[in-house]
C-alpha atoms as a PDB file:
ATOM      1  CA  MET A   1     -13.036 -49.162  -3.538  1.00  0.00           C
ATOM      2  CA  THR A   2      -9.936 -48.416  -1.499  1.00  0.00           C
ATOM      3  CA  ARG A   3      -8.593 -51.903  -2.132  1.00  0.00           C
ATOM      4  CA  ILE A   4      -9.015 -51.544  -5.891  1.00  0.00           C
ATOM      5  CA  SER A   5      -7.213 -48.186  -5.928  1.00  0.00           C
ATOM      6  CA  SER A   6      -4.391 -49.591  -3.821  1.00  0.00           C
ATOM      7  CA  SER A   7      -3.830 -52.536  -6.128  1.00  0.00           C
ATOM      8  CA  ARG A   8      -3.647 -50.237  -9.119  1.00  0.00           C
ATOM      9  CA  ARG A   9      -0.905 -48.160  -7.571  1.00  0.00           C
ATOM     10  CA  LEU A  10       1.181 -51.309  -7.132  1.00  0.00           C
ATOM     11  CA  MET A  11       0.860 -52.365 -10.768  1.00  0.00           C
ATOM     12  CA  SER A  12       3.820 -51.744 -13.047  1.00  0.00           C
ATOM     13  CA  PRO A  13       3.262 -49.634 -16.189  1.00  0.00           C
ATOM     14  CA  HIS A  14       3.573 -52.746 -18.352  1.00  0.00           C
ATOM     15  CA  ALA A  15       0.960 -54.584 -16.292  1.00  0.00           C
ATOM     16  CA  ARG A  16      -1.380 -51.594 -16.398  1.00  0.00           C
ATOM     17  CA  VAL A  17      -1.209 -51.437 -20.180  1.00  0.00           C
ATOM     18  CA  ALA A  18      -1.669 -55.195 -20.350  1.00  0.00           C
ATOM     19  CA  VAL A  19      -4.866 -54.846 -18.341  1.00  0.00           C
ATOM     20  CA  MET A  20      -6.098 -52.068 -20.619  1.00  0.00           C
ATOM     21  CA  LEU A  21      -5.154 -53.962 -23.766  1.00  0.00           C
ATOM     22  CA  GLY A  22      -6.977 -56.972 -22.362  1.00  0.00           C
ATOM     23  CA  GLY A  23     -10.202 -55.030 -22.692  1.00  0.00           C
ATOM     24  CA  LEU A  24     -10.883 -54.240 -19.042  1.00  0.00           C
ATOM     25  CA  ILE A  25     -12.827 -51.050 -18.482  1.00  0.00           C
ATOM     26  CA  LEU A  26     -11.787 -48.391 -16.008  1.00  0.00           C
ATOM     27  CA  THR A  27     -13.506 -49.036 -12.688  1.00  0.00           C
ATOM     28  CA  GLY A  28     -15.269 -46.204 -10.899  1.00  0.00           C
ATOM     29  CA  CYS A  29     -17.699 -45.559  -8.085  1.00  0.00           C
ATOM     30  CA  SER A  30     -21.351 -45.735  -9.051  1.00  0.00           C
ATOM     31  CA  THR A  31     -22.656 -42.172  -9.146  1.00  0.00           C
ATOM     32  CA  THR A  32     -24.883 -40.215 -11.469  1.00  0.00           C
ATOM     33  CA  ASN A  33     -21.916 -38.115 -12.661  1.00  0.00           C
ATOM     34  CA  LEU A  34     -19.473 -40.927 -13.319  1.00  0.00           C
ATOM     35  CA  ALA A  35     -19.637 -43.195 -16.354  1.00  0.00           C
ATOM     36  CA  THR A  36     -17.216 -45.390 -18.245  1.00  0.00           C
ATOM     37  CA  THR A  37     -16.958 -46.405 -21.866  1.00  0.00           C
ATOM     38  CA  THR A  38     -18.554 -49.378 -23.474  1.00  0.00           C
ATOM     39  CA  PRO A  39     -16.077 -52.004 -24.779  1.00  0.00           C
ATOM     40  CA  PRO A  40     -14.065 -50.322 -27.550  1.00  0.00           C
ATOM     41  CA  LYS A  41     -14.029 -51.471 -31.154  1.00  0.00           C
ATOM     42  CA  THR A  42     -10.507 -52.044 -32.465  1.00  0.00           C
ATOM     43  CA  ASN A  43     -10.131 -51.817 -36.223  1.00  0.00           C
ATOM     44  CA  PRO A  44      -7.797 -53.961 -38.403  1.00  0.00           C
ATOM     45  CA  ASP A  45      -5.338 -51.052 -38.676  1.00  0.00           C
ATOM     46  CA  GLY A  46      -5.063 -50.856 -34.877  1.00  0.00           C
ATOM     47  CA  SER A  47      -7.152 -47.707 -34.489  1.00  0.00           C
ATOM     48  CA  ILE A  48     -10.041 -47.548 -32.037  1.00  0.00           C
ATOM     49  CA  SER A  49     -13.419 -46.225 -33.071  1.00  0.00           C
ATOM     50  CA  ALA A  50     -15.374 -43.732 -31.027  1.00  0.00           C
ATOM     51  CA  ALA A  51     -17.841 -45.271 -28.575  1.00  0.00           C
ATOM     52  CA  LYS A  52     -20.572 -43.843 -26.402  1.00  0.00           C
ATOM     53  CA  VAL A  53     -19.806 -43.491 -22.726  1.00  0.00           C
ATOM     54  CA  THR A  54     -22.163 -45.731 -20.794  1.00  0.00           C
ATOM     55  CA  ASN A  55     -25.528 -44.147 -19.972  1.00  0.00           C
ATOM     56  CA  THR A  56     -24.645 -40.939 -21.834  1.00  0.00           C
ATOM     57  CA  ASP A  57     -24.821 -39.494 -25.335  1.00  0.00           C
ATOM     58  CA  ILE A  58     -21.171 -38.424 -25.152  1.00  0.00           C
ATOM     59  CA  ASP A  59     -18.528 -40.071 -27.322  1.00  0.00           C
ATOM     60  CA  CYS A  60     -15.283 -41.462 -25.992  1.00  0.00           C
ATOM     61  CA  PRO A  61     -13.005 -40.144 -28.776  1.00  0.00           C
ATOM     62  CA  ALA A  62     -11.507 -42.380 -31.417  1.00  0.00           C
ATOM     63  CA  MET A  63      -7.807 -43.216 -31.096  1.00  0.00           C
ATOM     64  CA  MET A  64      -5.193 -43.828 -33.773  1.00  0.00           C
ATOM     65  CA  VAL A  65      -1.527 -43.490 -34.674  1.00  0.00           C
ATOM     66  CA  ARG A  66      -0.720 -40.138 -36.233  1.00  0.00           C
ATOM     67  CA  SER A  67      -0.003 -40.446 -39.954  1.00  0.00           C
ATOM     68  CA  GLY A  68       3.752 -40.297 -40.562  1.00  0.00           C
ATOM     69  CA  ALA A  69       4.584 -40.898 -36.888  1.00  0.00           C
ATOM     70  CA  SER A  70       4.290 -44.681 -36.669  1.00  0.00           C
ATOM     71  CA  THR A  71       8.048 -45.372 -36.818  1.00  0.00           C
ATOM     72  CA  TRP A  72      11.242 -43.879 -35.415  1.00  0.00           C
ATOM     73  CA  GLN A  73      14.899 -44.466 -36.281  1.00  0.00           C
ATOM     74  CA  VAL A  74      18.274 -43.889 -34.637  1.00  0.00           C
ATOM     75  CA  PRO A  75      20.025 -42.237 -36.349  1.00  0.00           C
ATOM     76  CA  PRO A  76      17.306 -40.566 -38.454  1.00  0.00           C
ATOM     77  CA  GLY A  77      17.190 -41.658 -42.076  1.00  0.00           C
ATOM     78  CA  SER A  78      19.304 -44.747 -41.458  1.00  0.00           C
ATOM     79  CA  ASN A  79      19.684 -47.505 -44.010  1.00  0.00           C
ATOM     80  CA  THR A  80      19.985 -51.226 -43.406  1.00  0.00           C
ATOM     81  CA  THR A  81      23.711 -50.976 -42.631  1.00  0.00           C
ATOM     82  CA  THR A  82      23.799 -47.846 -40.419  1.00  0.00           C
ATOM     83  CA  LEU A  83      20.643 -48.410 -38.373  1.00  0.00           C
ATOM     84  CA  ARG A  84      21.070 -48.651 -34.593  1.00  0.00           C
ATOM     85  CA  TYR A  85      17.448 -48.779 -33.418  1.00  0.00           C
ATOM     86  CA  GLN A  86      14.030 -48.612 -35.009  1.00  0.00           C
ATOM     87  CA  GLY A  87      10.761 -48.109 -33.151  1.00  0.00           C
ATOM     88  CA  ALA A  88       7.267 -49.198 -34.122  1.00  0.00           C
ATOM     89  CA  LEU A  89       3.913 -48.833 -32.395  1.00  0.00           C
ATOM     90  CA  GLY A  90       1.645 -51.742 -31.549  1.00  0.00           C
ATOM     91  CA  GLN A  91      -1.630 -51.937 -29.675  1.00  0.00           C
ATOM     92  CA  LEU A  92      -3.489 -48.918 -28.328  1.00  0.00           C
ATOM     93  CA  ALA A  93      -6.059 -48.649 -25.553  1.00  0.00           C
ATOM     94  CA  ARG A  94      -8.135 -45.883 -24.011  1.00  0.00           C
ATOM     95  CA  GLU A  95     -10.810 -45.574 -21.336  1.00  0.00           C
ATOM     96  CA  CYS A  96     -13.034 -42.541 -20.803  1.00  0.00           C
ATOM     97  CA  VAL A  97     -14.739 -41.293 -17.661  1.00  0.00           C
ATOM     98  CA  VAL A  98     -17.243 -38.429 -17.560  1.00  0.00           C
ATOM     99  CA  LEU A  99     -17.344 -36.449 -14.341  1.00  0.00           C
ATOM    100  CA  GLY A 100     -19.580 -33.402 -14.433  1.00  0.00           C
ATOM    101  CA  ASP A 101     -18.556 -31.161 -17.307  1.00  0.00           C
ATOM    102  CA  SER A 102     -15.160 -32.772 -17.909  1.00  0.00           C
ATOM    103  CA  MET A 103     -13.816 -35.992 -19.328  1.00  0.00           C
ATOM    104  CA  THR A 104     -10.729 -37.891 -18.203  1.00  0.00           C
ATOM    105  CA  ILE A 105      -9.161 -40.403 -20.569  1.00  0.00           C
ATOM    106  CA  LYS A 106      -6.616 -43.042 -19.621  1.00  0.00           C
ATOM    107  CA  VAL A 107      -4.437 -43.856 -22.624  1.00  0.00           C
ATOM    108  CA  GLY A 108      -2.259 -46.935 -23.027  1.00  0.00           C
ATOM    109  CA  VAL A 109       0.367 -47.377 -25.726  1.00  0.00           C
ATOM    110  CA  GLU A 110       2.464 -50.413 -26.569  1.00  0.00           C
ATOM    111  CA  GLY A 111       5.538 -50.115 -28.772  1.00  0.00           C
ATOM    112  CA  ARG A 112       8.555 -52.098 -29.887  1.00  0.00           C
ATOM    113  CA  VAL A 113      12.199 -51.191 -30.442  1.00  0.00           C
ATOM    114  CA  LEU A 114      14.192 -53.295 -32.914  1.00  0.00           C
ATOM    115  CA  VAL A 115      17.982 -53.451 -32.665  1.00  0.00           C
ATOM    116  CA  GLY A 116      19.741 -52.699 -35.951  1.00  0.00           C
ATOM    117  CA  PRO A 117      23.179 -53.763 -37.230  1.00  0.00           C
ATOM    118  CA  LYS A 118      24.892 -50.884 -35.374  1.00  0.00           C
ATOM    119  CA  GLY A 119      22.791 -51.151 -32.227  1.00  0.00           C
ATOM    120  CA  GLY A 120      23.402 -53.078 -29.067  1.00  0.00           C
ATOM    121  CA  THR A 121      22.828 -53.391 -25.355  1.00  0.00           C
ATOM    122  CA  GLY A 122      22.052 -50.236 -23.416  1.00  0.00           C
ATOM    123  CA  ASN A 123      19.534 -47.606 -22.386  1.00  0.00           C
ATOM    124  CA  LEU A 124      17.724 -45.227 -24.703  1.00  0.00           C
ATOM    125  CA  THR A 125      14.726 -42.928 -24.571  1.00  0.00           C
ATOM    126  CA  VAL A 126      11.820 -43.159 -26.971  1.00  0.00           C
ATOM    127  CA  PRO A 127      10.234 -39.820 -28.046  1.00  0.00           C
ATOM    128  CA  LEU A 128       6.484 -40.287 -27.763  1.00  0.00           C
ATOM    129  CA  ARG A 129       3.605 -37.837 -28.008  1.00  0.00           C
ATOM    130  CA  ILE A 130      -0.072 -38.176 -27.129  1.00  0.00           C
ATOM    131  CA  ALA A 131      -2.450 -35.483 -28.338  1.00  0.00           C
ATOM    132  CA  LEU A 132      -6.179 -34.829 -28.405  1.00  0.00           C
ATOM    133  CA  VAL A 133      -7.253 -32.907 -31.505  1.00  0.00           C
ATOM    134  CA  GLN A 134     -10.603 -31.525 -32.569  1.00  0.00           C
ATOM    135  CA  GLU A 135     -10.631 -32.297 -36.272  1.00  0.00           C
ATOM    136  CA  GLY A 136     -12.215 -30.022 -38.867  1.00  0.00           C
ATOM    137  CA  PRO A 137     -11.266 -27.562 -41.619  1.00  0.00           C
ATOM    138  CA  GLN A 138      -8.864 -26.030 -39.087  1.00  0.00           C
ATOM    139  CA  PRO A 139      -7.818 -28.772 -36.625  1.00  0.00           C
ATOM    140  CA  LYS A 140      -7.582 -27.509 -33.057  1.00  0.00           C
ATOM    141  CA  PRO A 141      -5.208 -29.081 -30.507  1.00  0.00           C
ATOM    142  CA  VAL A 142      -7.138 -29.614 -27.265  1.00  0.00           C
ATOM    143  CA  TRP A 143      -4.456 -31.388 -25.219  1.00  0.00           C
ATOM    144  CA  THR A 144      -0.920 -32.510 -26.023  1.00  0.00           C
ATOM    145  CA  LYS A 145       2.022 -33.913 -24.079  1.00  0.00           C
ATOM    146  CA  PHE A 146       5.497 -35.140 -24.951  1.00  0.00           C
ATOM    147  CA  TYR A 147       7.146 -38.079 -23.180  1.00  0.00           C
ATOM    148  CA  SER A 148      10.691 -39.437 -23.067  1.00  0.00           C
ATOM    149  CA  VAL A 149       9.993 -43.114 -22.431  1.00  0.00           C
ATOM    150  CA  PRO A 150      13.007 -45.011 -21.029  1.00  0.00           C
ATOM    151  CA  VAL A 151      13.805 -48.326 -22.702  1.00  0.00           C
ATOM    152  CA  ASN A 152      16.494 -50.833 -21.772  1.00  0.00           C
ATOM    153  CA  VAL A 153      17.840 -53.264 -24.348  1.00  0.00           C
ATOM    154  CA  PRO A 154      19.177 -56.363 -22.548  1.00  0.00           C
ATOM    155  CA  ALA A 155      22.183 -58.269 -23.803  1.00  0.00           C
ATOM    156  CA  GLY A 156      21.419 -60.746 -26.563  1.00  0.00           C
ATOM    157  CA  GLN A 157      18.003 -59.239 -27.401  1.00  0.00           C
ATOM    158  CA  SER A 158      17.140 -58.191 -30.949  1.00  0.00           C
ATOM    159  CA  GLN A 159      13.993 -56.342 -29.887  1.00  0.00           C
ATOM    160  CA  VAL A 160      12.288 -55.090 -26.749  1.00  0.00           C
ATOM    161  CA  THR A 161       8.704 -54.083 -25.998  1.00  0.00           C
ATOM    162  CA  PHE A 162       7.824 -50.932 -24.055  1.00  0.00           C
ATOM    163  CA  THR A 163       4.558 -49.591 -22.690  1.00  0.00           C
ATOM    164  CA  HIS A 164       3.370 -46.188 -21.565  1.00  0.00           C
ATOM    165  CA  VAL A 165       0.221 -45.090 -19.722  1.00  0.00           C
ATOM    166  CA  GLU A 166      -1.152 -41.565 -19.412  1.00  0.00           C
ATOM    167  CA  ASP A 167      -3.672 -41.543 -16.562  1.00  0.00           C
ATOM    168  CA  ASP A 168      -4.919 -37.975 -16.710  1.00  0.00           C
ATOM    169  CA  LEU A 169      -5.811 -36.697 -20.156  1.00  0.00           C
ATOM    170  CA  THR A 170      -8.499 -34.357 -18.808  1.00  0.00           C
ATOM    171  CA  PHE A 171     -10.369 -31.671 -20.717  1.00  0.00           C
ATOM    172  CA  ALA A 172     -13.616 -29.703 -20.561  1.00  0.00           C
ATOM    173  CA  ILE A 173     -16.549 -31.123 -22.489  1.00  0.00           C
ATOM    174  CA  PRO A 174     -17.938 -28.465 -24.867  1.00  0.00           C
ATOM    175  CA  PRO A 175     -21.461 -27.158 -24.169  1.00  0.00           C
ATOM    176  CA  SER A 176     -22.750 -29.016 -27.236  1.00  0.00           C
ATOM    177  CA  LYS A 177     -21.557 -32.337 -25.706  1.00  0.00           C
ATOM    178  CA  ASP A 178     -20.457 -33.263 -29.223  1.00  0.00           C
ATOM    179  CA  LEU A 179     -17.074 -35.026 -29.241  1.00  0.00           C
ATOM    180  CA  SER A 180     -17.573 -36.840 -32.539  1.00  0.00           C
ATOM    181  CA  SER A 181     -14.770 -34.813 -34.169  1.00  0.00           C
ATOM    182  CA  TYR A 182     -12.289 -35.376 -31.305  1.00  0.00           C
ATOM    183  CA  VAL A 183      -9.437 -37.815 -31.984  1.00  0.00           C
ATOM    184  CA  ILE A 184      -6.649 -39.104 -29.729  1.00  0.00           C
ATOM    185  CA  TYR A 185      -3.403 -39.306 -31.680  1.00  0.00           C
ATOM    186  CA  VAL A 186      -0.294 -41.248 -30.689  1.00  0.00           C
ATOM    187  CA  GLY A 187       3.033 -41.140 -32.457  1.00  0.00           C
ATOM    188  CA  TYR A 188       6.785 -40.802 -32.302  1.00  0.00           C
ATOM    189  CA  ASP A 189       7.937 -37.179 -32.086  1.00  0.00           C
ATOM    190  CA  PRO A 190      11.706 -36.784 -32.601  1.00  0.00           C
ATOM    191  CA  GLN A 191      11.286 -33.031 -33.098  1.00  0.00           C
ATOM    192  CA  GLY A 192       9.678 -32.845 -29.678  1.00  0.00           C
ATOM    193  CA  ALA A 193      12.750 -34.574 -28.261  1.00  0.00           C
ATOM    194  CA  ILE A 194      15.011 -31.920 -29.815  1.00  0.00           C
ATOM    195  CA  ALA A 195      12.871 -29.096 -28.438  1.00  0.00           C
ATOM    196  CA  ASN A 196      12.815 -30.746 -25.030  1.00  0.00           C
ATOM    197  CA  ALA A 197      16.616 -31.080 -25.023  1.00  0.00           C
ATOM    198  CA  LYS A 198      17.068 -27.410 -25.922  1.00  0.00           C
ATOM    199  CA  THR A 199      14.745 -26.379 -23.110  1.00  0.00           C
ATOM    200  CA  ALA A 200      16.651 -28.523 -20.618  1.00  0.00           C
ATOM    201  CA  LYS A 201      19.969 -26.928 -21.606  1.00  0.00           C
ATOM    202  CA  LYS A 202      18.826 -23.378 -20.836  1.00  0.00           C
ATOM    203  CA  PRO A 203      20.526 -22.180 -17.629  1.00  0.00           C
ATOM    204  CA  ALA A 204      18.193 -21.667 -14.729  1.00  0.00           C
ATOM    205  CA  PRO A 205      17.981 -18.071 -13.452  1.00  0.00           C
ATOM    206  CA  SER A 206      20.080 -17.411 -10.395  1.00  0.00           C
ATOM    207  CA  GLY A 207      18.405 -16.719  -7.083  1.00  0.00           C
ATOM    208  CA  THR A 208      19.395 -13.072  -7.130  1.00  0.00           C
ATOM    209  CA  LYS A 209      20.810 -10.715  -9.695  1.00  0.00           C
ATOM    210  CA  THR A 210      24.106  -8.968  -9.132  1.00  0.00           C
ATOM    211  CA  ALA A 211      23.412  -5.337  -8.383  1.00  0.00           C
ATOM    212  CA  ALA A 212      24.708  -2.876 -10.928  1.00  0.00           C
ATOM    213  CA  LYS A 213      27.859  -1.165  -9.866  1.00  0.00           C
ATOM    214  CA  SER A 214      27.055   2.189  -8.394  1.00  0.00           C
ATOM    215  CA  LYS A 215      29.007   5.284  -9.240  1.00  0.00           C
ATOM    216  CA  PRO A 216      31.696   6.256  -6.708  1.00  0.00           C
ATOM    217  CA  ARG A 217      30.389   8.646  -4.114  1.00  0.00           C
ATOM    218  CA  PRO A 218      32.237  11.790  -3.108  1.00  0.00           C
ATOM    219  CA  PRO A 219      34.021  11.569   0.233  1.00  0.00           C
ATOM    220  CA  VAL A 220      31.918  12.498   3.226  1.00  0.00           C
ATOM    221  CA  ALA A 221      33.230  15.317   5.353  1.00  0.00           C
ATOM    222  CA  ALA A 222      34.374  14.308   8.824  1.00  0.00           C
ATOM    223  CA  GLN A 223      31.842  14.999  11.571  1.00  0.00           C
ATOM    224  CA  PRO A 224      32.685  16.483  14.965  1.00  0.00           C
ATOM    225  CA  ALA A 225      33.580  13.814  17.473  1.00  0.00           C
ATOM    226  CA  VAL A 226      30.760  14.861  19.822  1.00  0.00           C
ATOM    227  CA  GLN A 227      28.062  14.394  17.170  1.00  0.00           C
ATOM    228  CA  PRO A 228      26.459  10.935  17.183  1.00  0.00           C
ATOM    229  CA  MET A 229      26.276   8.973  13.933  1.00  0.00           C
ATOM    230  CA  THR A 230      22.994   9.094  12.079  1.00  0.00           C
ATOM    231  CA  PRO A 231      21.141   5.807  11.549  1.00  0.00           C
ATOM    232  CA  ALA A 232      21.828   3.959   8.324  1.00  0.00           C
ATOM    233  CA  SER A 233      19.278   4.490   5.606  1.00  0.00           C
ATOM    234  CA  THR A 234      16.896   1.702   4.563  1.00  0.00           C
ATOM    235  CA  GLN A 235      18.753  -1.081   2.804  1.00  0.00           C
ATOM    236  CA  PRO A 236      18.134  -1.142  -0.957  1.00  0.00           C
ATOM    237  CA  THR A 237      15.967  -3.951  -2.282  1.00  0.00           C
ATOM    238  CA  PHE A 238      16.480  -5.745  -5.568  1.00  0.00           C
ATOM    239  CA  ALA A 239      13.699  -6.792  -7.897  1.00  0.00           C
ATOM    240  CA  PRO A 240      13.321 -10.580  -8.091  1.00  0.00           C
ATOM    241  CA  PRO A 241      14.868 -12.145 -11.189  1.00  0.00           C
ATOM    242  CA  PRO A 242      12.497 -12.820 -14.102  1.00  0.00           C
ATOM    243  CA  GLN A 243      11.109 -16.310 -14.015  1.00  0.00           C
ATOM    244  CA  GLN A 244      12.217 -18.650 -16.724  1.00  0.00           C
ATOM    245  CA  GLN A 245       9.420 -19.487 -19.098  1.00  0.00           C
ATOM    246  CA  PRO A 246       8.612 -23.227 -19.130  1.00  0.00           C
ATOM    247  CA  GLY A 247       9.378 -25.110 -22.272  1.00  0.00           C
ATOM    248  CA  GLN A 248       6.417 -25.260 -24.604  1.00  0.00           C
ATOM    249  CA  PHE A 249       5.883 -27.870 -27.199  1.00  0.00           C
ATOM    250  CA  ALA A 250       4.596 -26.914 -30.587  1.00  0.00           C
ATOM    251  CA  PRO A 251       1.106 -28.245 -31.392  1.00  0.00           C
ATOM    252  CA  PRO A 252       1.107 -31.537 -33.265  1.00  0.00           C
ATOM    253  CA  PRO A 253       1.409 -31.220 -37.072  1.00  0.00           C
ATOM    254  CA  PRO A 254      -1.910 -31.418 -38.945  1.00  0.00           C
ATOM    255  CA  PRO A 255      -2.766 -34.909 -40.143  1.00  0.00           C
ATOM    256  CA  SER A 256      -2.409 -35.763 -43.828  1.00  0.00           C
ATOM    257  CA  GLY A 257      -5.280 -34.337 -45.780  1.00  0.00           C
ATOM    258  CA  SER A 258      -6.364 -32.017 -42.926  1.00  0.00           C
ATOM    259  CA  ASN A 259       0.338 -31.583 -28.288  1.00  0.00           C
ATOM    260  CA  GLY A 260      -0.134 -34.916 -32.786  1.00  0.00           C
END
């Protein structure tokens, strides 16, 4: 078991996604509380149907690209002459493990960036979001996370493939054990990138606040030379500065007809 874990840590993200996309199932120790998914069913549109976790009645949630979030352009709304880069999503993969009353899902995403007429060699970041949503009349975000995926476009390349793996999408299984309405969504999220940039630009609070200027004190009368000086009073203490609130991402927009 140690050897398997060690080899995984040495695998590059691209290799890890390749393994997942190749249909290998997450390996785990054999215990009564640990189970993995049966081989997933991939549909013609690239989505993955829900599948029972081995030896349980619990579903490994379905996975699909969020409607309206399958492509991404730089700059936004570009035409065929002004386009620099355009992103598309390819294969998806997910593996579920049940441990006690929680489930951990490993999610793999493969995407592609095409170089447009105004694009070229260089580094860029792809705005990606993975979200787990409980669908229904009022969809409920269960888990969501935004990623800035770095991509390098080598010289002479018209397109480049990128991969991303989230190892720890963990959530509590509801008492009913019914996950049939849970869906893993993947998609480009340029609005999340804007929100993330605004959060990063906020100045961090300083270690201490400057004390307010005190009013001038009246002069103290001179004391007789024979009288010893009184000890200094206790030094004033300053309240710690308020902690900066972490950036929060808005929940994923509801799907058509119904933090992805």
